[in-house]
Amino acid sequence: MNGFPMSREDTAAYRDAVAAGNFMAMRQAAMSEGSKSEKMLRLIEIVEEAEDNGRRVIGSLTSGTFLDQLA
């Protein structure tokens, strides 16, 4: 899901992660702001569309916290 613009909140989270030298947080910044994250909103849209069409979605996430946000 590359190529999505980062929201203001995503950008702030990324800058904080860079300032802290936290590489994992840098990787997760594009989804760390939940419903304010462009990437998370698109992922939720994909899952909802799949559900509406009787389909299932399989994904791989680096953190269980993102899965909790989708549920």
N, C-alpha and C. Protein backbone atom coordinates (compact mmCIF):
# COMPACT_ATOMS: atom_id res chain seq x y z
N MET A 1 0.83 -1.18 0.00
CA MET A 1 0.00 0.00 0.00
C MET A 1 0.88 1.25 0.00
N ASN A 2 1.88 1.25 -0.76
CA ASN A 2 2.74 2.41 -0.86
C ASN A 2 2.10 3.45 -1.77
N GLY A 3 2.56 4.68 -1.65
CA GLY A 3 2.08 5.72 -2.53
C GLY A 3 0.97 6.57 -1.97
N PHE A 4 0.55 6.33 -0.74
CA PHE A 4 -0.48 7.15 -0.13
C PHE A 4 0.15 8.37 0.53
N PRO A 5 -0.50 9.52 0.38
CA PRO A 5 0.04 10.70 1.06
C PRO A 5 -0.12 10.54 2.57
N MET A 6 0.82 11.07 3.30
CA MET A 6 0.73 11.00 4.75
C MET A 6 -0.13 12.17 5.24
N SER A 7 -1.00 11.89 6.18
CA SER A 7 -1.80 12.96 6.78
C SER A 7 -0.90 13.82 7.66
N ARG A 8 -1.42 14.93 8.10
CA ARG A 8 -0.66 15.79 9.02
C ARG A 8 -0.25 15.02 10.26
N GLU A 9 -1.18 14.21 10.77
CA GLU A 9 -0.91 13.42 11.97
C GLU A 9 0.17 12.37 11.72
N ASP A 10 0.10 11.72 10.54
CA ASP A 10 1.12 10.73 10.17
C ASP A 10 2.50 11.39 10.10
N THR A 11 2.54 12.57 9.48
CA THR A 11 3.80 13.29 9.32
C THR A 11 4.38 13.67 10.68
N ALA A 12 3.53 14.13 11.59
CA ALA A 12 4.00 14.49 12.93
C ALA A 12 4.54 13.26 13.66
N ALA A 13 3.85 12.12 13.53
CA ALA A 13 4.31 10.89 14.17
C ALA A 13 5.66 10.47 13.59
N TYR A 14 5.82 10.62 12.27
CA TYR A 14 7.08 10.25 11.63
C TYR A 14 8.22 11.16 12.11
N ARG A 15 7.96 12.44 12.17
CA ARG A 15 8.99 13.38 12.63
C ARG A 15 9.40 13.09 14.07
N ASP A 16 8.43 12.78 14.91
CA ASP A 16 8.73 12.43 16.31
C ASP A 16 9.60 11.17 16.37
N ALA A 17 9.25 10.18 15.52
CA ALA A 17 10.02 8.93 15.50
C ALA A 17 11.45 9.16 15.03
N VAL A 18 11.61 10.02 14.02
CA VAL A 18 12.95 10.33 13.52
C VAL A 18 13.75 11.04 14.61
N ALA A 19 13.13 12.00 15.26
CA ALA A 19 13.83 12.75 16.33
C ALA A 19 14.26 11.82 17.46
N ALA A 20 13.45 10.79 17.71
CA ALA A 20 13.77 9.85 18.78
C ALA A 20 14.71 8.74 18.31
N GLY A 21 14.96 8.67 17.01
CA GLY A 21 15.81 7.60 16.48
C GLY A 21 15.14 6.23 16.56
N ASN A 22 13.82 6.21 16.55
CA ASN A 22 13.04 4.98 16.70
C ASN A 22 12.65 4.45 15.31
N PHE A 23 13.44 3.52 14.79
CA PHE A 23 13.23 3.03 13.43
C PHE A 23 11.91 2.28 13.27
N MET A 24 11.49 1.51 14.26
CA MET A 24 10.21 0.80 14.15
C MET A 24 9.06 1.80 14.09
N ALA A 25 9.12 2.83 14.91
CA ALA A 25 8.07 3.86 14.87
C ALA A 25 8.07 4.59 13.53
N MET A 26 9.24 4.76 12.93
CA MET A 26 9.30 5.39 11.60
C MET A 26 8.56 4.53 10.59
N ARG A 27 8.77 3.22 10.66
CA ARG A 27 8.10 2.30 9.73
C ARG A 27 6.59 2.30 9.93
N GLN A 28 6.16 2.48 11.17
CA GLN A 28 4.74 2.39 11.50
C GLN A 28 4.02 3.73 11.45
N ALA A 29 4.74 4.81 11.25
CA ALA A 29 4.15 6.15 11.34
C ALA A 29 2.98 6.36 10.39
N ALA A 30 3.03 5.76 9.21
CA ALA A 30 1.97 5.98 8.22
C ALA A 30 0.64 5.36 8.62
N MET A 31 0.63 4.55 9.67
CA MET A 31 -0.62 3.95 10.14
C MET A 31 -0.85 4.16 11.63
N SER A 32 0.05 4.83 12.29
CA SER A 32 -0.01 4.90 13.75
C SER A 32 -1.08 5.83 14.29
N GLU A 33 -1.65 6.66 13.43
CA GLU A 33 -2.63 7.63 13.92
C GLU A 33 -4.07 7.17 13.70
N GLY A 34 -4.25 5.88 13.49
CA GLY A 34 -5.59 5.29 13.40
C GLY A 34 -6.48 5.95 12.37
N SER A 35 -7.64 6.42 12.79
CA SER A 35 -8.63 6.96 11.85
C SER A 35 -8.18 8.28 11.21
N LYS A 36 -7.07 8.83 11.65
CA LYS A 36 -6.53 10.05 11.03
C LYS A 36 -5.47 9.73 9.99
N SER A 37 -5.19 8.45 9.80
CA SER A 37 -4.16 8.00 8.88
C SER A 37 -4.77 7.68 7.52
N GLU A 38 -4.23 8.28 6.47
CA GLU A 38 -4.72 8.02 5.11
C GLU A 38 -4.60 6.53 4.76
N LYS A 39 -3.50 5.94 5.13
CA LYS A 39 -3.26 4.53 4.82
C LYS A 39 -4.25 3.63 5.56
N MET A 40 -4.49 3.93 6.83
CA MET A 40 -5.44 3.13 7.61
C MET A 40 -6.86 3.31 7.07
N LEU A 41 -7.23 4.52 6.70
CA LEU A 41 -8.56 4.76 6.14
C LEU A 41 -8.76 3.95 4.85
N ARG A 42 -7.74 3.91 4.02
CA ARG A 42 -7.84 3.13 2.77
C ARG A 42 -7.93 1.65 3.06
N LEU A 43 -7.17 1.17 4.03
CA LEU A 43 -7.23 -0.24 4.39
C LEU A 43 -8.62 -0.60 4.92
N ILE A 44 -9.19 0.24 5.75
CA ILE A 44 -10.55 0.01 6.27
C ILE A 44 -11.55 -0.02 5.12
N GLU A 45 -11.39 0.88 4.16
CA GLU A 45 -12.28 0.92 2.99
C GLU A 45 -12.20 -0.39 2.21
N ILE A 46 -11.00 -0.90 2.02
CA ILE A 46 -10.81 -2.16 1.30
C ILE A 46 -11.48 -3.31 2.03
N VAL A 47 -11.31 -3.36 3.34
CA VAL A 47 -11.90 -4.44 4.14
C VAL A 47 -13.43 -4.35 4.09
N GLU A 48 -13.97 -3.14 4.23
CA GLU A 48 -15.43 -2.97 4.18
C GLU A 48 -15.99 -3.37 2.82
N GLU A 49 -15.30 -2.99 1.76
CA GLU A 49 -15.74 -3.36 0.41
C GLU A 49 -15.73 -4.88 0.23
N ALA A 50 -14.70 -5.52 0.74
CA ALA A 50 -14.62 -6.98 0.66
C ALA A 50 -15.78 -7.62 1.42
N GLU A 51 -16.05 -7.13 2.62
CA GLU A 51 -17.17 -7.66 3.42
C GLU A 51 -18.50 -7.49 2.69
N ASP A 52 -18.71 -6.31 2.10
CA ASP A 52 -19.95 -6.04 1.36
C ASP A 52 -20.14 -7.00 0.20
N ASN A 53 -19.04 -7.50 -0.34
CA ASN A 53 -19.11 -8.41 -1.48
C ASN A 53 -18.91 -9.87 -1.08
N GLY A 54 -19.03 -10.15 0.22
CA GLY A 54 -18.91 -11.52 0.69
C GLY A 54 -17.51 -12.10 0.57
N ARG A 55 -16.53 -11.25 0.55
CA ARG A 55 -15.15 -11.69 0.43
C ARG A 55 -14.42 -11.57 1.76
N ARG A 56 -13.26 -12.17 1.81
CA ARG A 56 -12.40 -12.09 2.99
C ARG A 56 -11.10 -11.40 2.61
N VAL A 57 -10.44 -10.86 3.61
CA VAL A 57 -9.17 -10.19 3.39
C VAL A 57 -8.12 -10.83 4.28
N ILE A 58 -6.98 -11.13 3.70
CA ILE A 58 -5.85 -11.64 4.45
C ILE A 58 -4.76 -10.59 4.38
N GLY A 59 -4.19 -10.26 5.52
CA GLY A 59 -3.14 -9.25 5.54
C GLY A 59 -2.05 -9.63 6.50
N SER A 60 -0.95 -8.98 6.36
CA SER A 60 0.17 -9.18 7.26
C SER A 60 0.56 -7.84 7.85
N LEU A 61 0.55 -7.76 9.15
CA LEU A 61 0.87 -6.51 9.83
C LEU A 61 2.06 -6.71 10.75
N THR A 62 2.84 -5.66 10.95
CA THR A 62 4.01 -5.76 11.81
C THR A 62 3.67 -5.58 13.28
N SER A 63 2.45 -5.15 13.55
CA SER A 63 2.09 -4.90 14.94
C SER A 63 0.63 -5.24 15.17
N GLY A 64 0.34 -5.89 16.26
CA GLY A 64 -1.03 -6.24 16.61
C GLY A 64 -1.89 -5.03 16.89
N THR A 65 -1.28 -3.91 17.22
CA THR A 65 -2.07 -2.71 17.51
C THR A 65 -2.83 -2.25 16.27
N PHE A 66 -2.28 -2.46 15.09
CA PHE A 66 -2.98 -2.07 13.88
C PHE A 66 -4.18 -2.98 13.65
N LEU A 67 -4.02 -4.24 13.94
CA LEU A 67 -5.12 -5.18 13.80
C LEU A 67 -6.25 -4.79 14.74
N ASP A 68 -5.93 -4.37 15.96
CA ASP A 68 -6.96 -3.92 16.90
C ASP A 68 -7.73 -2.72 16.35
N GLN A 69 -7.04 -1.82 15.65
CA GLN A 69 -7.70 -0.65 15.09
C GLN A 69 -8.66 -1.02 13.97
N LEU A 70 -8.35 -2.10 13.24
CA LEU A 70 -9.21 -2.53 12.16
C LEU A 70 -10.46 -3.26 12.64
N ALA A 71 -10.35 -3.93 13.76
CA ALA A 71 -11.45 -4.78 14.25
C ALA A 71 -12.67 -3.99 14.64
